[in-house]
Amino acid sequence: MCLAVPAEVVELMAEEMALVETGGVRKVVSIMLLEGVQEGDFVLVHAGFALEKVDREEAERTLALLEEAAESGPLFQ
């Protein structure tokens, strides 16, 4: 199963990289697959790559669902 997590772009960096943040965790990811990414944008991140831009509302809904799932316990046992 693959999961892409929404993250906010905090800083654009050299070499098509960006610093993103989600849930207080910051990580450097590649933005080479997207055009026109700017600071403040939300992107879906999987395996170190920003795959798609999403709007703030969609990102917040997805993060809330992920948080709810984490609180309810393991998905697989």
C-alpha atoms as a PDB file:
ATOM      1  CA  MET A   1       0.000   0.000   0.000  1.00  0.00           C
ATOM      2  CA  CYS A   2       1.295   3.470  -0.851  1.00  0.00           C
ATOM      3  CA  LEU A   3       0.405   6.612   1.019  1.00  0.00           C
ATOM      4  CA  ALA A   4       1.106  10.194  -0.003  1.00  0.00           C
ATOM      5  CA  VAL A   5       0.954  12.709   2.840  1.00  0.00           C
ATOM      6  CA  PRO A   6       0.063  16.398   2.439  1.00  0.00           C
ATOM      7  CA  ALA A   7       2.815  18.816   3.425  1.00  0.00           C
ATOM      8  CA  GLU A   8       3.210  22.577   3.238  1.00  0.00           C
ATOM      9  CA  VAL A   9       6.147  23.985   1.283  1.00  0.00           C
ATOM     10  CA  VAL A  10       8.163  26.038   3.762  1.00  0.00           C
ATOM     11  CA  GLU A  11      11.174  26.918   1.630  1.00  0.00           C
ATOM     12  CA  LEU A  12      12.259  26.466  -1.982  1.00  0.00           C
ATOM     13  CA  MET A  13      15.814  25.216  -2.315  1.00  0.00           C
ATOM     14  CA  ALA A  14      18.359  24.702  -5.091  1.00  0.00           C
ATOM     15  CA  GLU A  15      18.317  21.710  -7.431  1.00  0.00           C
ATOM     16  CA  GLU A  16      14.480  21.444  -7.526  1.00  0.00           C
ATOM     17  CA  MET A  17      14.257  20.629  -3.836  1.00  0.00           C
ATOM     18  CA  ALA A  18      12.000  22.084  -1.146  1.00  0.00           C
ATOM     19  CA  LEU A  19      11.700  22.009   2.612  1.00  0.00           C
ATOM     20  CA  VAL A  20       8.191  20.844   3.548  1.00  0.00           C
ATOM     21  CA  GLU A  21       6.411  20.485   6.868  1.00  0.00           C
ATOM     22  CA  THR A  22       3.603  18.297   8.106  1.00  0.00           C
ATOM     23  CA  GLY A  23       2.622  17.697  11.711  1.00  0.00           C
ATOM     24  CA  GLY A  24       5.605  19.699  12.931  1.00  0.00           C
ATOM     25  CA  VAL A  25       8.060  17.481  11.029  1.00  0.00           C
ATOM     26  CA  ARG A  26      10.209  19.085   8.353  1.00  0.00           C
ATOM     27  CA  LYS A  27      11.797  17.205   5.479  1.00  0.00           C
ATOM     28  CA  VAL A  28      13.592  18.036   2.240  1.00  0.00           C
ATOM     29  CA  VAL A  29      11.839  16.584  -0.816  1.00  0.00           C
ATOM     30  CA  SER A  30      12.214  16.769  -4.575  1.00  0.00           C
ATOM     31  CA  ILE A  31       9.790  19.007  -6.461  1.00  0.00           C
ATOM     32  CA  MET A  32      11.182  18.048  -9.884  1.00  0.00           C
ATOM     33  CA  LEU A  33       7.884  16.390 -10.904  1.00  0.00           C
ATOM     34  CA  LEU A  34       5.851  19.584 -10.461  1.00  0.00           C
ATOM     35  CA  GLU A  35       5.801  23.010 -12.070  1.00  0.00           C
ATOM     36  CA  GLY A  36       5.197  26.315 -10.367  1.00  0.00           C
ATOM     37  CA  VAL A  37       5.562  25.194  -6.748  1.00  0.00           C
ATOM     38  CA  GLN A  38       5.778  28.153  -4.363  1.00  0.00           C
ATOM     39  CA  GLU A  39       6.252  28.613  -0.632  1.00  0.00           C
ATOM     40  CA  GLY A  40       2.915  28.133   1.114  1.00  0.00           C
ATOM     41  CA  ASP A  41       1.656  25.577  -1.415  1.00  0.00           C
ATOM     42  CA  PHE A  42       0.518  22.162  -0.213  1.00  0.00           C
ATOM     43  CA  VAL A  43       1.852  19.098  -1.983  1.00  0.00           C
ATOM     44  CA  LEU A  44       1.339  15.348  -1.641  1.00  0.00           C
ATOM     45  CA  VAL A  45       4.640  13.710  -0.671  1.00  0.00           C
ATOM     46  CA  HIS A  46       5.576  10.069  -1.189  1.00  0.00           C
ATOM     47  CA  ALA A  47       9.044   8.510  -1.015  1.00  0.00           C
ATOM     48  CA  GLY A  48      10.804  11.881  -0.992  1.00  0.00           C
ATOM     49  CA  PHE A  49       8.952  13.333  -3.984  1.00  0.00           C
ATOM     50  CA  ALA A  50       6.187  15.917  -4.199  1.00  0.00           C
ATOM     51  CA  LEU A  51       3.730  14.247  -6.565  1.00  0.00           C
ATOM     52  CA  GLU A  52       0.843  16.704  -6.826  1.00  0.00           C
ATOM     53  CA  LYS A  53      -0.238  20.119  -5.599  1.00  0.00           C
ATOM     54  CA  VAL A  54      -3.410  20.184  -3.486  1.00  0.00           C
ATOM     55  CA  ASP A  55      -5.404  23.028  -2.014  1.00  0.00           C
ATOM     56  CA  ARG A  56      -5.225  23.855   1.687  1.00  0.00           C
ATOM     57  CA  GLU A  57      -8.734  22.536   2.433  1.00  0.00           C
ATOM     58  CA  GLU A  58      -8.046  19.142   0.869  1.00  0.00           C
ATOM     59  CA  ALA A  59      -4.700  18.915   2.701  1.00  0.00           C
ATOM     60  CA  GLU A  60      -6.337  19.744   6.040  1.00  0.00           C
ATOM     61  CA  ARG A  61      -9.118  17.167   5.485  1.00  0.00           C
ATOM     62  CA  THR A  62      -6.603  14.471   4.623  1.00  0.00           C
ATOM     63  CA  LEU A  63      -4.386  15.278   7.613  1.00  0.00           C
ATOM     64  CA  ALA A  64      -7.425  15.163   9.923  1.00  0.00           C
ATOM     65  CA  LEU A  65      -8.372  11.728   8.555  1.00  0.00           C
ATOM     66  CA  LEU A  66      -4.818  10.437   9.017  1.00  0.00           C
ATOM     67  CA  GLU A  67      -4.770  11.746  12.583  1.00  0.00           C
ATOM     68  CA  GLU A  68      -8.131  10.102  13.297  1.00  0.00           C
ATOM     69  CA  ALA A  69      -6.896   6.788  11.884  1.00  0.00           C
ATOM     70  CA  ALA A  70      -3.722   6.968  14.007  1.00  0.00           C
ATOM     71  CA  GLU A  71      -5.768   7.566  17.160  1.00  0.00           C
ATOM     72  CA  SER A  72      -8.003   4.564  16.517  1.00  0.00           C
ATOM     73  CA  GLY A  73      -5.098   2.099  16.611  1.00  0.00           C
ATOM     74  CA  PRO A  74      -3.217  -0.045  14.115  1.00  0.00           C
ATOM     75  CA  LEU A  75      -4.782  -0.556  10.706  1.00  0.00           C
ATOM     76  CA  PHE A  76      -3.369  -4.072  10.427  1.00  0.00           C
ATOM     77  CA  GLN A  77      -2.823  -6.638  13.147  1.00  0.00           C
END
